[in-house]
């Protein structure tokens, strides 16, 4: 069995990098922080992943997002999808 909690901790570390990146607009950092907070709950990993995906998909296509941030968010979304599907 895949250790989803370990994956979630790694995803949260990636999210923390985005939250602390001043080159990313404030509204996007806020949504990433909300998604990270959803991963911190005591829910099942699948529920956590689904909640975080919902938060991140809202901003993933924001035209004001720097390219490097968009790439990181897509990477995070992909990792969350594997948890949700798994």
Protein backbone atom coordinates (compact mmCIF):
# COMPACT_ATOMS: atom_id res chain seq x y z
CA UNK A 1 0.00 0.00 0.00
CA UNK A 2 1.19 3.49 -0.86
CA UNK A 3 1.88 5.74 2.11
CA UNK A 4 -0.44 8.63 1.29
CA UNK A 5 0.43 10.56 4.45
CA UNK A 6 4.09 10.68 3.41
CA UNK A 7 3.08 11.93 -0.05
CA UNK A 8 0.84 14.57 1.53
CA UNK A 9 3.74 15.84 3.66
CA UNK A 10 5.89 16.18 0.52
CA UNK A 11 3.09 18.00 -1.30
CA UNK A 12 2.65 20.35 1.67
CA UNK A 13 6.38 21.19 1.50
CA UNK A 14 5.99 22.14 -2.17
CA UNK A 15 2.97 24.25 -1.28
CA UNK A 16 4.92 26.00 1.46
CA UNK A 17 7.52 27.05 -1.13
CA UNK A 18 4.75 28.63 -3.21
CA UNK A 19 3.19 30.37 -0.20
CA UNK A 20 6.55 31.95 0.65
CA UNK A 21 7.35 33.02 -2.94
CA UNK A 22 6.89 36.80 -3.15
CA UNK A 23 6.85 36.70 -6.97
CA UNK A 24 3.46 34.97 -6.88
CA UNK A 25 0.37 37.20 -6.58
CA UNK A 26 -1.21 37.36 -3.12
CA UNK A 27 -4.55 35.82 -4.19
CA UNK A 28 -2.79 32.74 -5.59
CA UNK A 29 -0.65 32.32 -2.47
CA UNK A 30 -3.83 32.59 -0.39
CA UNK A 31 -5.49 29.77 -2.35
CA UNK A 32 -2.37 27.61 -2.08
CA UNK A 33 -2.33 28.19 1.69
CA UNK A 34 -6.01 27.22 1.91
CA UNK A 35 -5.30 24.04 -0.04
CA UNK A 36 -2.36 23.30 2.26
CA UNK A 37 -4.57 23.83 5.31
CA UNK A 38 -7.08 21.34 3.87
CA UNK A 39 -4.30 18.77 3.73
CA UNK A 40 -3.65 19.32 7.45
CA UNK A 41 -7.06 18.02 8.57
CA UNK A 42 -7.73 14.63 10.15
CA UNK A 43 -9.81 13.46 7.18
CA UNK A 44 -8.97 10.47 5.02
CA UNK A 45 -6.18 11.12 2.49
CA UNK A 46 -8.62 10.86 -0.42
CA UNK A 47 -10.88 13.52 1.11
CA UNK A 48 -7.90 15.79 1.85
CA UNK A 49 -6.63 15.44 -1.71
CA UNK A 50 -10.05 16.16 -3.22
CA UNK A 51 -10.47 19.30 -1.11
CA UNK A 52 -7.02 20.58 -2.02
CA UNK A 53 -7.59 19.85 -5.72
CA UNK A 54 -10.76 21.90 -5.58
CA UNK A 55 -8.90 24.89 -4.09
CA UNK A 56 -5.98 24.71 -6.49
CA UNK A 57 -7.92 24.14 -9.69
CA UNK A 58 -9.58 27.53 -9.20
CA UNK A 59 -6.24 29.34 -9.53
CA UNK A 60 -4.33 26.96 -11.79
CA UNK A 61 -5.32 28.95 -14.88
CA UNK A 62 -4.91 32.44 -13.42
CA UNK A 63 -3.36 34.65 -16.11
CA UNK A 64 -1.32 36.56 -13.54
CA UNK A 65 0.52 33.48 -12.33
CA UNK A 66 4.24 33.24 -13.15
CA UNK A 67 5.21 30.28 -15.33
CA UNK A 68 7.31 28.61 -12.61
CA UNK A 69 4.38 28.74 -10.17
CA UNK A 70 1.97 27.30 -12.74
CA UNK A 71 4.34 24.39 -13.33
CA UNK A 72 4.61 23.73 -9.59
CA UNK A 73 0.83 23.86 -9.15
CA UNK A 74 0.34 21.39 -12.00
CA UNK A 75 2.91 19.10 -10.36
CA UNK A 76 1.05 19.37 -7.05
CA UNK A 77 -2.31 18.74 -8.72
CA UNK A 78 -0.91 15.66 -10.44
CA UNK A 79 0.41 14.28 -7.14
CA UNK A 80 -2.93 14.98 -5.45
CA UNK A 81 -4.75 13.20 -8.29
CA UNK A 82 -2.68 10.05 -7.69
CA UNK A 83 -3.73 10.10 -4.02
CA UNK A 84 -7.38 10.67 -4.91
CA UNK A 85 -7.36 7.89 -7.49
CA UNK A 86 -5.30 5.50 -5.38
